[in-house]
Protein backbone atom coordinates (compact mmCIF):
# COMPACT_ATOMS: atom_id res chain seq x y z
CA MET A 1 137.71 27.19 -38.26
CA SER A 2 138.55 27.61 -42.02
CA THR A 3 140.30 24.05 -42.24
CA ILE A 4 137.08 22.79 -40.33
CA LEU A 5 134.80 23.87 -43.33
CA ASP A 6 136.66 22.91 -45.85
CA ARG A 7 133.97 21.37 -47.94
CA ARG A 8 136.25 18.87 -49.47
CA ILE A 9 137.43 17.13 -46.41
CA THR A 10 134.38 17.89 -43.65
CA VAL A 11 131.30 16.31 -43.07
CA PHE A 12 128.85 18.92 -43.07
CA ARG A 13 125.79 20.16 -44.48
CA SER A 14 123.44 22.90 -43.34
CA ASP A 15 120.67 19.73 -42.80
CA LEU A 16 123.19 16.81 -41.84
CA ALA A 17 127.21 16.79 -40.30
CA ALA A 18 129.08 14.23 -38.88
CA SER A 19 128.43 13.48 -35.29
CA HIS A 20 132.26 14.55 -34.28
CA LEU A 21 131.36 18.01 -35.48
CA ARG A 22 128.65 18.47 -32.86
CA GLY A 23 129.39 22.11 -31.03
CA GLN A 24 131.68 22.87 -33.74
CA VAL A 25 128.91 23.59 -36.92
CA GLU A 26 125.53 24.11 -36.88
CA ALA A 27 123.18 21.40 -38.53
CA GLY A 28 119.92 20.28 -38.63
CA ALA A 29 121.05 16.68 -37.35
CA PHE A 30 123.86 14.78 -36.88
CA ALA A 31 124.71 11.32 -37.85
CA GLU A 32 126.86 8.11 -36.87
CA PRO A 33 129.29 6.79 -39.98
CA GLN A 34 128.15 3.22 -41.39
CA PRO A 35 131.71 1.79 -42.62
CA MET A 36 131.29 0.74 -46.26
CA ARG A 37 133.46 -0.56 -48.50
CA VAL A 38 133.79 -0.02 -52.71
CA VAL A 39 132.95 -2.86 -54.32
CA ALA A 40 132.72 -1.53 -58.04
CA SER A 41 135.93 -1.46 -60.08
CA SER A 42 136.00 2.36 -59.48
CA ALA A 43 132.99 4.79 -58.03
CA PRO A 44 132.80 8.19 -58.52
CA VAL A 45 132.72 10.86 -55.87
CA ARG A 46 130.59 13.65 -57.03
CA ARG A 47 129.77 17.04 -55.69
CA GLU A 48 125.92 16.92 -55.67
CA PRO A 49 124.13 13.68 -55.92
CA ARG A 50 122.99 13.46 -59.58
CA PRO A 51 125.38 11.74 -62.13
CA ASP A 52 125.93 14.72 -63.96
CA ALA A 53 127.46 16.47 -61.08
CA PRO A 54 130.78 17.76 -61.10
CA LEU A 55 133.19 14.57 -60.71
CA ASP A 56 135.60 15.45 -57.35
CA THR A 57 137.44 12.46 -57.23
CA GLU A 58 137.17 8.52 -57.48
CA ALA A 59 137.31 5.60 -54.98
CA LEU A 60 138.58 2.57 -55.87
CA ARG A 61 137.61 -0.91 -54.98
CA GLY A 62 138.94 -1.95 -51.67
CA GLU A 63 138.56 1.42 -50.30
CA LEU A 64 136.92 2.08 -46.99
CA VAL A 65 134.18 4.72 -46.94
CA GLN A 66 132.06 6.14 -43.75
CA VAL A 67 128.63 6.45 -45.01
CA TYR A 68 126.36 9.30 -43.52
CA GLU A 69 123.58 9.22 -45.44
CA ARG A 70 121.85 6.90 -48.38
CA HIS A 71 119.18 8.27 -50.38
CA GLU A 72 117.68 7.54 -53.35
CA GLY A 73 120.75 5.49 -54.87
CA TRP A 74 123.47 8.20 -53.50
CA ALA A 75 125.81 7.47 -50.49
CA TRP A 76 126.54 11.02 -49.03
CA ALA A 77 130.24 9.80 -47.40
CA GLN A 78 133.51 10.18 -46.48
CA LEU A 79 136.45 8.27 -48.07
CA ALA A 80 138.81 6.66 -44.88
CA GLY A 81 142.01 7.26 -46.62
CA ASP A 82 142.14 10.95 -47.70
CA GLY A 83 139.00 12.41 -46.06
CA TYR A 84 137.32 13.57 -49.27
CA VAL A 85 133.59 14.09 -48.84
CA GLY A 86 130.92 13.70 -51.73
CA TYR A 87 128.48 11.34 -53.03
CA LEU A 88 128.82 7.96 -54.58
CA PRO A 89 126.42 5.62 -56.30
CA ASP A 90 125.16 3.46 -53.51
CA ASP A 91 125.30 0.61 -55.28
CA ALA A 92 129.03 0.83 -55.38
CA LEU A 93 128.99 -0.18 -51.61
CA ARG A 94 128.81 -2.84 -49.57
CA ALA A 95 128.49 -3.10 -46.01
CA GLU A 96 129.89 -6.70 -45.24
CA ALA A 97 132.78 -6.73 -47.68
CA SER A 98 135.83 -8.11 -46.62
CA ALA A 99 138.74 -6.02 -45.49
CA PRO A 100 141.82 -6.13 -48.32
CA THR A 101 144.49 -8.35 -48.40
CA HIS A 102 146.44 -7.01 -51.68
CA ARG A 103 146.55 -4.37 -54.15
CA VAL A 104 146.59 -3.94 -57.87
CA ALA A 105 149.93 -3.01 -58.92
CA ALA A 106 149.80 -3.65 -62.86
CA LEU A 107 148.70 -0.82 -64.31
CA ARG A 108 145.53 -2.28 -65.40
CA THR A 109 144.01 -5.89 -64.73
CA PHE A 110 140.65 -7.81 -65.41
CA LEU A 111 138.69 -10.11 -63.21
CA TYR A 112 137.96 -13.34 -64.38
CA PRO A 113 135.03 -15.83 -63.07
CA GLY A 114 137.52 -18.76 -62.80
CA PRO A 115 140.92 -19.58 -63.05
CA SER A 116 141.39 -19.22 -67.20
CA ILE A 117 142.63 -16.02 -69.82
CA LYS A 118 139.96 -17.30 -72.08
CA LEU A 119 137.15 -16.78 -70.10
CA ALA A 120 135.37 -13.75 -70.69
CA PRO A 121 136.49 -10.99 -67.88
CA LEU A 122 133.89 -9.60 -65.45
CA ALA A 123 135.56 -6.15 -64.68
CA ALA A 124 138.76 -4.22 -64.95
CA LEU A 125 140.74 -3.21 -61.67
CA SER A 126 143.20 -0.18 -62.26
CA LEU A 127 146.49 0.30 -60.28
CA GLY A 128 145.81 1.25 -56.92
CA ALA A 129 142.49 -1.04 -56.46
CA SER A 130 142.81 -3.62 -53.36
CA VAL A 131 141.36 -6.83 -53.31
CA THR A 132 140.69 -9.97 -50.43
CA VAL A 133 142.64 -13.13 -51.52
CA VAL A 134 141.52 -15.94 -49.77
CA ALA A 135 143.53 -18.67 -51.86
CA GLN A 136 145.74 -19.63 -54.85
CA THR A 137 145.05 -22.21 -57.85
CA GLY A 138 147.80 -21.81 -60.67
CA ASP A 139 148.73 -18.11 -61.53
CA PHE A 140 144.91 -16.90 -60.36
CA ALA A 141 144.82 -15.59 -56.99
CA VAL A 142 140.87 -16.46 -55.81
CA LEU A 143 139.10 -13.34 -54.04
CA ALA A 144 136.72 -13.58 -51.31
CA ASP A 145 133.18 -13.08 -53.67
CA GLY A 146 134.69 -15.76 -55.82
CA ASP A 147 136.24 -13.79 -58.44
CA HIS A 148 139.48 -15.09 -59.84
CA ILE A 149 142.46 -12.36 -60.59
CA PHE A 150 146.26 -13.01 -62.06
CA LEU A 151 148.35 -13.07 -59.17
CA ARG A 152 151.29 -11.70 -60.67
CA HIS A 153 149.40 -8.30 -60.60
CA LEU A 154 149.05 -8.45 -57.29
CA ALA A 155 150.92 -7.03 -54.25
CA PRO A 156 150.58 -7.53 -50.44
CA LEU A 157 149.52 -4.10 -48.82
CA ASP A 158 152.45 -4.43 -46.69
CA ARG A 159 154.63 -4.33 -49.40
CA PRO A 160 155.20 -1.11 -50.93
CA GLU A 161 157.00 0.15 -54.11
CA PRO A 162 160.46 1.26 -53.96
CA ASP A 163 160.28 4.04 -56.04
CA PHE A 164 156.76 6.23 -56.63
CA VAL A 165 158.44 7.85 -59.70
CA ALA A 166 158.05 4.85 -61.26
CA VAL A 167 154.87 3.95 -60.56
CA ALA A 168 153.65 7.39 -61.94
CA GLU A 169 155.89 6.48 -64.97
CA ARG A 170 153.47 3.47 -65.81
CA PHE A 171 151.01 6.11 -66.47
CA LEU A 172 152.54 7.81 -69.45
CA GLY A 173 150.09 8.37 -72.32
CA VAL A 174 146.95 8.26 -69.80
CA PRO A 175 143.97 10.64 -70.93
CA TYR A 176 143.61 13.79 -68.65
CA LEU A 177 140.16 13.27 -66.62
CA TRP A 178 139.63 16.27 -63.99
CA GLY A 179 138.59 14.05 -60.72
CA GLY A 180 140.07 11.07 -62.27
CA LYS A 181 142.08 8.55 -60.22
CA THR A 182 142.12 5.58 -62.83
CA SER A 183 144.24 4.10 -65.60
CA LEU A 184 141.60 5.26 -67.68
CA GLY A 185 141.76 8.74 -66.57
CA LEU A 186 143.22 10.78 -64.07
CA ASP A 187 144.40 14.49 -63.16
CA CYS A 188 147.69 15.70 -61.84
CA SER A 189 146.97 15.32 -57.76
CA GLY A 190 145.10 11.54 -58.81
CA LEU A 191 148.49 10.96 -60.57
CA THR A 192 150.50 11.90 -57.91
CA GLN A 193 148.34 10.50 -54.65
CA LEU A 194 148.08 7.19 -56.45
CA ALA A 195 152.07 6.26 -57.10
CA LEU A 196 152.92 7.76 -53.36
CA ALA A 197 149.83 5.71 -52.21
CA ALA A 198 151.56 2.49 -53.94
CA ALA A 199 154.83 3.58 -52.67
CA GLY A 200 153.25 3.55 -48.94
CA ILE A 201 153.16 7.03 -48.58
CA ALA A 202 149.99 8.73 -47.60
CA ALA A 203 148.55 11.77 -49.11
CA PRO A 204 145.83 13.89 -49.68
CA ARG A 205 143.66 14.63 -52.68
CA ASP A 206 144.15 17.92 -54.28
CA SER A 207 147.66 19.93 -55.15
CA ASP A 208 147.09 22.49 -52.39
CA GLN A 209 147.00 19.78 -50.12
CA LEU A 210 149.88 17.99 -51.00
CA GLU A 211 152.01 21.24 -51.12
CA ALA A 212 150.58 22.03 -47.75
CA SER A 213 151.74 18.90 -46.08
CA VAL A 214 154.17 16.63 -48.27
CA GLY A 215 157.86 16.60 -48.03
CA GLN A 216 160.23 19.34 -47.41
CA PRO A 217 160.69 22.91 -49.42
CA VAL A 218 163.49 22.99 -51.88
CA ARG A 219 165.54 26.28 -52.07
CA PHE A 220 165.09 27.39 -55.99
CA ASP A 221 165.85 30.15 -58.62
CA GLU A 222 165.30 31.12 -62.05
CA ALA A 223 167.67 28.27 -63.04
CA LEU A 224 166.07 25.44 -61.55
CA ASP A 225 169.43 23.77 -60.87
CA GLY A 226 169.54 21.38 -57.99
CA LEU A 227 166.69 19.39 -58.58
CA ARG A 228 166.37 15.43 -58.25
CA ARG A 229 164.48 12.71 -59.40
CA GLY A 230 161.26 12.20 -57.12
CA ASP A 231 160.88 16.55 -56.36
CA LEU A 232 157.36 17.43 -56.45
CA VAL A 233 156.69 20.81 -58.63
CA PHE A 234 153.92 23.19 -57.29
CA TRP A 235 151.55 25.53 -58.99
CA LYS A 236 148.52 27.23 -57.70
CA GLY A 237 146.12 24.35 -58.97
CA HIS A 238 149.25 21.85 -60.77
CA VAL A 239 151.44 19.48 -59.61
CA GLY A 240 154.19 17.36 -61.59
CA ILE A 241 156.70 14.77 -60.54
CA LEU A 242 160.26 14.93 -61.72
CA THR A 243 161.82 11.71 -63.42
CA ASP A 244 165.35 13.48 -63.70
CA PRO A 245 166.37 16.74 -62.50
CA ASP A 246 165.32 18.17 -65.81
CA THR A 247 162.34 16.61 -66.76
CA LEU A 248 158.56 16.65 -65.49
CA LEU A 249 156.18 14.08 -65.28
CA HIS A 250 152.22 15.04 -65.21
CA ALA A 251 149.13 14.80 -66.03
CA ASN A 252 147.88 17.84 -67.59
CA GLY A 253 145.28 19.86 -69.69
CA TYR A 254 147.66 21.15 -72.18
CA THR A 255 148.21 17.71 -73.89
CA MET A 256 145.27 16.38 -72.04
CA ASP A 257 147.05 12.82 -71.19
CA VAL A 258 149.84 11.88 -68.39
CA HIS A 259 153.09 13.67 -70.49
CA ARG A 260 156.92 14.25 -70.04
CA GLU A 261 158.56 16.85 -71.08
CA PRO A 262 161.74 19.43 -70.12
CA LEU A 263 160.97 21.20 -66.89
CA ARG A 264 162.14 24.25 -68.12
CA GLU A 265 159.71 24.28 -71.15
CA ALA A 266 156.61 23.36 -68.99
CA ARG A 267 157.60 26.05 -66.42
CA ASP A 268 157.38 28.67 -69.18
CA ARG A 269 154.45 27.35 -70.92
CA ILE A 270 152.65 26.76 -67.25
CA ARG A 271 153.40 30.33 -66.18
CA ASP A 272 152.55 31.97 -69.11
CA LYS A 273 149.35 30.18 -70.17
CA SER A 274 147.24 28.97 -66.92
CA PHE A 275 148.84 28.62 -63.52
CA GLY A 276 151.30 31.09 -63.08
CA ALA A 277 155.06 30.64 -61.93
CA ILE A 278 156.12 27.78 -59.73
CA THR A 279 154.95 28.65 -55.90
CA SER A 280 156.99 25.84 -54.46
CA ILE A 281 159.48 22.44 -54.96
CA ARG A 282 159.08 19.57 -52.45
CA ARG A 283 161.00 16.73 -51.68
CA LEU A 284 160.36 13.77 -50.26
């Protein structure tokens, strides 16, 4: 029951819940989901239906969401990918949007109204966003809605990146943003989830969920010897990625960006000033 009632991944309020929870929870009403896709560059997923509510995560263009309520400009929905539940701006979603064929593989790229870099961009998409390609003209892909995007900034959905660590390294210097999941700002677990997703590895959103489900535990001691590139290092409330046995890459609130630093220095500072001791190290 504790897993069922995890607020982050359970479509449940006292007045409304998902129909599949009937008999498991008490709610004033139950609803069937309406599938919709994110058509904005990204959409905030907030804890409450107001623009100044805490940002829990972000949904990227092309993501499928299951909407349970639409009210006063907000959609109460569950992200199909990682199951996160929250309130998204209703105008960021569309019911009839086409299923994506490609993902953005560059850190960031622009949408144009035509096949020319001299045209004024319409919007910018971040790594991990997905689009529907219907044609190609020169160096540009033509999308289902008529927009154009530089073709070499895309990759087919069925062609994962070979090295998720290399994907994470592309975010070096990107500002830290609690709940963020784009190249304009992201947090520690957002960085990890995005990098794994680019490599075709589905992963949950938050660090405690990642620690409980991704990879296998690695034995470690005070010396932190025997680690490898790609190992995930966890603290209570934080996660980082090893780029080599001695170097940690992480989005963090100390430097306020995606930063690379010696693992043992980071371990000591985090232990003494923020999250305490390392709780586990996991290897994919």
